[in-house]
Protein backbone atom coordinates (compact mmCIF):
# COMPACT_ATOMS: atom_id res chain seq x y z
CA MET A 1 -0.16 0.36 0.02
CA MET A 2 2.93 2.40 1.10
CA ARG A 3 4.49 1.55 -2.71
CA PHE A 4 1.45 3.20 -4.25
CA LEU A 5 0.93 6.77 -2.09
CA LEU A 6 4.23 7.81 -3.23
CA PRO A 7 3.13 8.31 -6.85
CA LEU A 8 -0.25 9.40 -5.68
CA ALA A 9 1.13 12.15 -3.90
CA ALA A 10 3.36 13.11 -7.03
CA PHE A 11 0.33 13.27 -9.12
CA ILE A 12 -1.47 15.09 -6.62
CA VAL A 13 1.26 17.48 -6.55
CA LEU A 14 1.39 17.93 -10.71
CA VAL A 15 -2.03 18.42 -10.67
CA VAL A 16 -2.42 21.13 -8.25
CA PHE A 17 0.83 23.05 -10.35
CA LEU A 18 -1.36 22.61 -13.65
CA LEU A 19 -4.26 23.85 -11.96
CA ILE A 20 -2.32 26.94 -10.85
CA GLY A 21 -0.97 27.37 -14.57
CA LEU A 22 -4.49 26.98 -15.96
CA ASN A 23 -5.17 30.51 -13.66
CA LEU A 24 -2.48 32.75 -14.87
CA ASN A 25 -2.63 34.94 -17.85
CA PRO A 26 0.25 34.03 -20.85
CA ARG A 27 -0.05 38.02 -21.71
CA GLN A 28 1.18 39.12 -18.41
CA VAL A 29 4.75 37.43 -18.62
CA PRO A 30 7.25 39.82 -16.52
CA SER A 31 9.65 41.49 -18.36
CA PRO A 32 13.46 41.40 -16.90
CA LEU A 33 13.80 44.51 -18.88
CA ILE A 34 11.44 46.56 -17.18
CA GLY A 35 13.18 49.47 -15.30
CA LYS A 36 16.65 48.68 -17.29
CA PRO A 37 17.84 50.68 -20.19
CA ALA A 38 16.53 49.55 -23.49
CA PRO A 39 19.02 47.79 -25.37
CA GLU A 40 21.27 49.54 -28.47
CA PHE A 41 20.19 49.41 -31.53
CA ARG A 42 21.23 51.16 -34.99
CA LEU A 43 18.80 49.68 -37.95
CA GLU A 44 18.04 51.21 -41.37
CA GLN A 45 14.92 52.47 -41.62
CA LEU A 46 11.94 50.96 -43.09
CA HIS A 47 11.01 53.42 -45.87
CA ASP A 48 15.30 54.89 -46.81
CA SER A 49 17.29 52.48 -46.57
CA GLU A 50 20.39 54.93 -46.44
CA LYS A 51 18.59 56.77 -43.02
CA MET A 52 19.34 54.82 -39.56
CA LEU A 53 16.91 54.63 -36.36
CA THR A 54 19.11 54.36 -33.03
CA SER A 55 17.85 53.58 -29.56
CA LYS A 56 19.61 57.32 -28.89
CA ASP A 57 17.29 59.17 -31.13
CA ASN A 58 14.39 59.43 -28.72
CA LEU A 59 16.70 60.07 -25.64
CA GLY A 60 14.83 63.01 -23.82
CA LYS A 61 11.45 61.99 -24.80
CA VAL A 62 9.01 59.79 -23.71
CA TRP A 63 8.35 56.77 -26.61
CA LEU A 64 6.47 53.49 -27.70
CA LEU A 65 8.59 51.10 -29.80
CA ASN A 66 6.09 48.81 -31.46
CA VAL A 67 7.38 45.52 -32.50
CA TRP A 68 5.16 44.38 -35.80
CA ALA A 69 4.95 42.27 -38.69
CA SER A 70 3.12 41.98 -42.41
CA TRP A 71 2.16 38.39 -41.57
CA CYS A 72 1.03 39.24 -38.33
CA VAL A 73 -2.57 38.44 -37.75
CA SER A 74 -2.57 40.34 -34.46
CA CYS A 75 -0.88 43.11 -36.02
CA ARG A 76 -3.67 43.31 -38.31
CA GLU A 77 -6.25 44.31 -34.98
CA GLU A 78 -4.07 46.42 -32.99
CA HIS A 79 -3.43 48.65 -36.07
CA PRO A 80 -6.70 50.91 -35.82
CA VAL A 81 -5.69 51.96 -32.55
CA LEU A 82 -2.52 53.01 -32.93
CA VAL A 83 -2.73 54.79 -35.90
CA ASP A 84 -5.69 56.53 -33.85
CA LEU A 85 -2.52 57.05 -31.12
CA ALA A 86 -0.71 58.71 -33.75
CA ARG A 87 -3.24 60.96 -34.63
CA SER A 88 -3.93 61.83 -31.48
CA GLY A 89 -0.43 63.82 -30.53
CA ILE A 90 -0.01 62.18 -27.36
CA VAL A 91 3.26 59.89 -27.85
CA PRO A 92 5.46 58.99 -30.73
CA VAL A 93 5.14 55.57 -32.04
CA TYR A 94 7.96 54.08 -33.90
CA GLY A 95 7.82 50.84 -35.40
CA LEU A 96 10.40 47.72 -35.00
CA ASN A 97 9.14 45.75 -38.53
CA TYR A 98 10.16 42.25 -37.07
CA LYS A 99 11.53 39.13 -39.62
CA ASP A 100 9.34 40.69 -42.36
CA GLU A 101 10.03 41.56 -45.99
CA ARG A 102 10.31 45.12 -46.93
CA ASP A 103 7.82 45.18 -49.71
CA LEU A 104 5.40 43.57 -48.20
CA ALA A 105 5.72 45.61 -44.30
CA LEU A 106 5.73 48.57 -47.15
CA GLN A 107 2.61 47.85 -48.96
CA TRP A 108 1.20 46.92 -45.60
CA LEU A 109 1.48 50.77 -44.47
CA ARG A 110 -0.09 51.63 -47.56
CA GLN A 111 -3.13 49.34 -46.95
CA PHE A 112 -3.61 49.82 -43.41
CA GLY A 113 -1.99 53.81 -42.38
CA ASP A 114 1.33 54.41 -41.29
CA PRO A 115 0.96 55.58 -37.25
CA TYR A 116 4.70 55.24 -37.11
CA THR A 117 6.85 58.45 -36.62
CA ALA A 118 9.82 56.04 -38.27
CA SER A 119 9.94 52.32 -38.70
CA ALA A 120 13.50 50.48 -38.52
CA ARG A 121 13.73 47.00 -40.24
CA ASP A 122 15.07 44.07 -38.12
CA PRO A 123 14.91 41.22 -41.16
CA GLU A 124 17.04 38.77 -39.09
CA GLY A 125 15.11 39.53 -35.46
CA ARG A 126 18.42 40.27 -33.73
CA THR A 127 17.02 43.55 -32.24
CA GLY A 128 13.96 41.40 -31.08
CA ILE A 129 15.83 39.08 -29.52
CA ASP A 130 17.67 41.95 -27.64
CA TYR A 131 14.11 43.25 -26.43
CA GLY A 132 13.39 39.62 -25.44
CA VAL A 133 9.94 39.52 -28.00
CA TYR A 134 7.88 36.80 -27.17
CA GLY A 135 6.10 36.95 -30.52
CA VAL A 136 4.25 39.82 -32.66
CA PRO A 137 2.69 42.39 -31.27
CA GLU A 138 4.59 43.65 -28.77
CA THR A 139 4.76 47.41 -27.34
CA TYR A 140 7.11 49.19 -25.15
CA VAL A 141 7.05 52.73 -23.06
CA ILE A 142 10.10 53.73 -22.82
CA ASP A 143 11.20 56.96 -21.07
CA LYS A 144 13.00 60.09 -21.62
CA ASN A 145 16.46 58.31 -19.81
CA GLY A 146 15.86 55.77 -22.44
CA VAL A 147 14.92 52.97 -19.98
CA ILE A 148 11.74 50.41 -20.57
CA ARG A 149 9.04 51.25 -18.09
CA TYR A 150 6.57 49.20 -19.80
CA LYS A 151 5.73 46.22 -21.95
CA GLN A 152 2.78 45.51 -23.23
CA ILE A 153 2.46 41.81 -24.52
CA GLY A 154 -0.34 41.26 -28.02
CA PRO A 155 -2.11 43.53 -29.54
CA VAL A 156 -2.29 47.48 -27.73
CA THR A 157 -6.19 47.14 -27.59
CA VAL A 158 -8.17 50.55 -26.02
CA GLU A 159 -8.66 49.29 -22.52
CA ALA A 160 -5.14 48.69 -22.54
CA LEU A 161 -4.07 52.03 -24.13
CA GLU A 162 -6.72 53.67 -21.14
CA THR A 163 -5.86 52.01 -18.14
CA LYS A 164 -2.40 51.24 -18.83
CA ILE A 165 -0.13 52.87 -21.27
CA LEU A 166 -1.28 56.46 -21.83
CA PRO A 167 -1.66 57.19 -17.58
CA LEU A 168 2.13 55.93 -17.60
CA VAL A 169 3.35 58.06 -20.41
CA LYS A 170 1.36 61.02 -18.94
CA GLU A 171 3.54 60.58 -15.96
CA LEU A 172 6.47 60.26 -17.44
CA GLN A 173 6.20 62.83 -19.42
CA GLY A 174 5.13 65.22 -16.74
């Protein structure tokens, strides 16, 4: 009888961990980069490969970095929200075009609108790796000192914008 108690106890522990895991929100994966300087990058711009975009270009201002791709279904979901945000002028939104083809990305922006102050190309995904990108879309709030203050995993929604992102941006701009 005792030889069955150990496997039964192990099974019960596994079930408890499974139940705990099922109640976690996968969009709330903590980023180890929150509160740390944003990784530096120097990438060619999507619209003009002769121009470069660097992480240091925005020192002194609060800005958003949105990681997106033309092949990303969820990016299409969040795109109207970003277009409206860009029109408001509250905060500059920069794009990081992730593992994408330049022509497809440009076509996508022509079709759906371009909310980005500028977009950098990350065709190999190396900068995305530096930022800890799990998958697109992801959006980062970066403060005036170049420190990542928030990471939105998945599409930016109106709710996320109103309850988390914009209040933080206003606080950081103040």
